[in-house]
C-alpha atoms as a PDB file:
ATOM      1  CA  MET A   1     -29.030  33.726 -21.661  1.00  0.00           C
ATOM      2  CA  THR A   2     -30.287  32.989 -18.082  1.00  0.00           C
ATOM      3  CA  ILE A   3     -28.247  30.429 -15.676  1.00  0.00           C
ATOM      4  CA  SER A   4     -30.220  28.420 -13.262  1.00  0.00           C
ATOM      5  CA  ALA A   5     -29.664  28.190  -9.377  1.00  0.00           C
ATOM      6  CA  ALA A   6     -28.997  24.388 -10.103  1.00  0.00           C
ATOM      7  CA  VAL A   7     -26.087  25.605 -12.331  1.00  0.00           C
ATOM      8  CA  ILE A   8     -24.619  28.017  -9.975  1.00  0.00           C
ATOM      9  CA  ILE A   9     -24.959  25.454  -6.990  1.00  0.00           C
ATOM     10  CA  ALA A  10     -22.983  22.912  -8.923  1.00  0.00           C
ATOM     11  CA  GLY A  11     -20.305  25.329  -9.789  1.00  0.00           C
ATOM     12  CA  ILE A  12     -19.927  26.534  -6.552  1.00  0.00           C
ATOM     13  CA  ILE A  13     -19.483  23.117  -5.252  1.00  0.00           C
ATOM     14  CA  MET A  14     -16.897  22.256  -8.124  1.00  0.00           C
ATOM     15  CA  LEU A  15     -15.220  24.971  -7.178  1.00  0.00           C
ATOM     16  CA  SER A  16     -15.349  24.213  -3.335  1.00  0.00           C
ATOM     17  CA  LEU A  17     -14.342  20.830  -3.836  1.00  0.00           C
ATOM     18  CA  ASN A  18     -10.969  21.938  -6.087  1.00  0.00           C
ATOM     19  CA  ALA A  19     -10.150  24.400  -3.364  1.00  0.00           C
ATOM     20  CA  TYR A  20     -10.252  21.652  -0.660  1.00  0.00           C
ATOM     21  CA  VAL A  21      -8.050  19.211  -2.810  1.00  0.00           C
ATOM     22  CA  LEU A  22      -5.806  22.016  -3.441  1.00  0.00           C
ATOM     23  CA  LEU A  23      -5.496  23.979  -0.092  1.00  0.00           C
ATOM     24  CA  ALA A  24      -6.622  21.638   2.481  1.00  0.00           C
ATOM     25  CA  GLY A  25      -4.652  18.484   1.829  1.00  0.00           C
ATOM     26  CA  ALA A  26      -7.162  16.147   1.114  1.00  0.00           C
ATOM     27  CA  ASP A  27      -6.212  12.461   0.951  1.00  0.00           C
ATOM     28  CA  TYR A  28      -6.393  12.186  -2.779  1.00  0.00           C
ATOM     29  CA  GLY A  29      -4.492  15.487  -3.254  1.00  0.00           C
ATOM     30  CA  GLY A  30      -1.323  16.300  -1.209  1.00  0.00           C
ATOM     31  CA  GLY A  31      -2.339  19.929  -0.746  1.00  0.00           C
ATOM     32  CA  VAL A  32      -0.703  23.201  -2.257  1.00  0.00           C
ATOM     33  CA  TRP A  33       0.308  24.053   1.888  1.00  0.00           C
ATOM     34  CA  ASP A  34       1.538  20.748   2.664  1.00  0.00           C
ATOM     35  CA  PHE A  35       3.832  21.188  -0.096  1.00  0.00           C
ATOM     36  CA  PHE A  36       5.055  24.938   0.168  1.00  0.00           C
ATOM     37  CA  ALA A  37       5.608  23.783   3.604  1.00  0.00           C
ATOM     38  CA  ALA A  38       7.486  20.744   3.592  1.00  0.00           C
ATOM     39  CA  GLY A  39       8.888  21.510   0.190  1.00  0.00           C
ATOM     40  CA  PRO A  40       9.698  19.430  -2.890  1.00  0.00           C
ATOM     41  CA  ARG A  41      11.189  15.651  -2.111  1.00  0.00           C
ATOM     42  CA  HIS A  42      14.729  15.717  -3.106  1.00  0.00           C
ATOM     43  CA  PRO A  43      15.960  12.063  -4.516  1.00  0.00           C
ATOM     44  CA  GLY A  44      17.608  10.243  -2.306  1.00  0.00           C
ATOM     45  CA  VAL A  45      16.384  11.923   0.872  1.00  0.00           C
ATOM     46  CA  VAL A  46      14.393   9.091   3.225  1.00  0.00           C
ATOM     47  CA  ASP A  47      11.319  10.697   5.427  1.00  0.00           C
ATOM     48  CA  SER A  48      12.139   9.282   8.825  1.00  0.00           C
ATOM     49  CA  ASP A  49       8.913   7.939   9.642  1.00  0.00           C
ATOM     50  CA  GLU A  50       9.120   5.903   6.235  1.00  0.00           C
ATOM     51  CA  LEU A  51      12.849   4.495   7.577  1.00  0.00           C
ATOM     52  CA  ALA A  52      11.101   3.552  10.952  1.00  0.00           C
ATOM     53  CA  GLN A  53       8.766   1.641   9.502  1.00  0.00           C
ATOM     54  CA  ARG A  54      11.078  -0.255   6.992  1.00  0.00           C
ATOM     55  CA  ARG A  55      13.408  -0.733  10.031  1.00  0.00           C
ATOM     56  CA  GLN A  56      10.263  -2.117  12.339  1.00  0.00           C
ATOM     57  CA  ALA A  57       9.384  -4.404   9.368  1.00  0.00           C
ATOM     58  CA  LEU A  58      12.845  -6.469   9.180  1.00  0.00           C
ATOM     59  CA  PRO A  59      12.245  -9.681  10.652  1.00  0.00           C
ATOM     60  CA  TRP A  60      13.282 -10.652  14.176  1.00  0.00           C
ATOM     61  CA  VAL A  61      16.395 -13.474  13.851  1.00  0.00           C
ATOM     62  CA  ARG A  62      17.185 -15.628  17.088  1.00  0.00           C
ATOM     63  CA  ILE A  63      20.924 -15.912  17.579  1.00  0.00           C
ATOM     64  CA  ASP A  64      21.921 -19.337  19.214  1.00  0.00           C
ATOM     65  CA  ARG A  65      25.794 -18.735  18.909  1.00  0.00           C
ATOM     66  CA  ASN A  66      27.407 -17.628  21.423  1.00  0.00           C
ATOM     67  CA  TYR A  67      29.240 -15.039  20.128  1.00  0.00           C
ATOM     68  CA  ARG A  68      32.138 -12.850  22.150  1.00  0.00           C
ATOM     69  CA  PHE A  69      33.210  -8.955  21.190  1.00  0.00           C
ATOM     70  CA  GLU A  70      35.951  -7.023  22.541  1.00  0.00           C
ATOM     71  CA  THR A  71      35.191  -3.819  23.912  1.00  0.00           C
ATOM     72  CA  ASP A  72      36.460  -1.297  26.314  1.00  0.00           C
ATOM     73  CA  GLU A  73      35.723  -3.200  29.446  1.00  0.00           C
ATOM     74  CA  GLY A  74      36.932  -6.354  28.051  1.00  0.00           C
ATOM     75  CA  SER A  75      34.991  -9.375  26.561  1.00  0.00           C
ATOM     76  CA  ALA A  76      30.705  -9.198  26.415  1.00  0.00           C
ATOM     77  CA  SER A  77      28.463 -11.449  25.081  1.00  0.00           C
ATOM     78  CA  LEU A  78      25.548 -10.337  22.540  1.00  0.00           C
ATOM     79  CA  THR A  79      23.519 -10.650  25.552  1.00  0.00           C
ATOM     80  CA  ASP A  80      25.627  -7.871  27.968  1.00  0.00           C
ATOM     81  CA  LEU A  81      25.722  -5.980  24.921  1.00  0.00           C
ATOM     82  CA  PHE A  82      22.173  -5.248  24.962  1.00  0.00           C
ATOM     83  CA  GLN A  83      22.249  -4.282  28.800  1.00  0.00           C
ATOM     84  CA  GLY A  84      18.441  -4.963  29.765  1.00  0.00           C
ATOM     85  CA  ARG A  85      17.176  -3.588  26.391  1.00  0.00           C
ATOM     86  CA  THR A  86      15.481  -5.098  23.360  1.00  0.00           C
ATOM     87  CA  GLN A  87      17.111  -3.575  20.380  1.00  0.00           C
ATOM     88  CA  LEU A  88      20.831  -3.481  19.848  1.00  0.00           C
ATOM     89  CA  LEU A  89      22.110  -0.367  16.889  1.00  0.00           C
ATOM     90  CA  VAL A  90      24.999  -1.120  15.456  1.00  0.00           C
ATOM     91  CA  TYR A  91      27.254   0.790  13.218  1.00  0.00           C
ATOM     92  CA  HIS A  92      29.545  -1.093  11.401  1.00  0.00           C
ATOM     93  CA  PHE A  93      32.222   0.437   9.338  1.00  0.00           C
ATOM     94  CA  MET A  94      35.020  -0.756   7.264  1.00  0.00           C
ATOM     95  CA  PHE A  95      38.068   0.531   6.134  1.00  0.00           C
ATOM     96  CA  GLY A  96      40.496  -0.292   3.616  1.00  0.00           C
ATOM     97  CA  PRO A  97      43.881  -1.488   4.274  1.00  0.00           C
ATOM     98  CA  ASP A  98      45.537   1.762   3.351  1.00  0.00           C
ATOM     99  CA  TYR A  99      43.075   4.127   6.206  1.00  0.00           C
ATOM    100  CA  THR A 100      44.691   5.174   8.766  1.00  0.00           C
ATOM    101  CA  ALA A 101      42.296   7.143  11.527  1.00  0.00           C
ATOM    102  CA  THR A 102      43.592  10.094  13.817  1.00  0.00           C
ATOM    103  CA  SER A 103      39.943   9.215  15.920  1.00  0.00           C
ATOM    104  CA  VAL A 104      37.481   7.052  15.411  1.00  0.00           C
END
């Protein structure tokens, strides 16, 4: 039984493609090295790039009402809170009526 040169070349090409998919991280294969470097994904863990993309995809909404906020420096408008910036990040905490905070 002799193996032709064409079969040997085809075998080498197939092995090379499989090695590329597994080890190099081709688009259609995650890549073993990428997996080992990043580790397995845990449920509930959000990639920061994905989170940024989802945040940037949110619609911009025009605010026409004149909202007033009480700050440490006194009363401020929504525009005052932006302080010349184009985006404002707001952390909103809601505590129950029984909650007592030593510091916030």
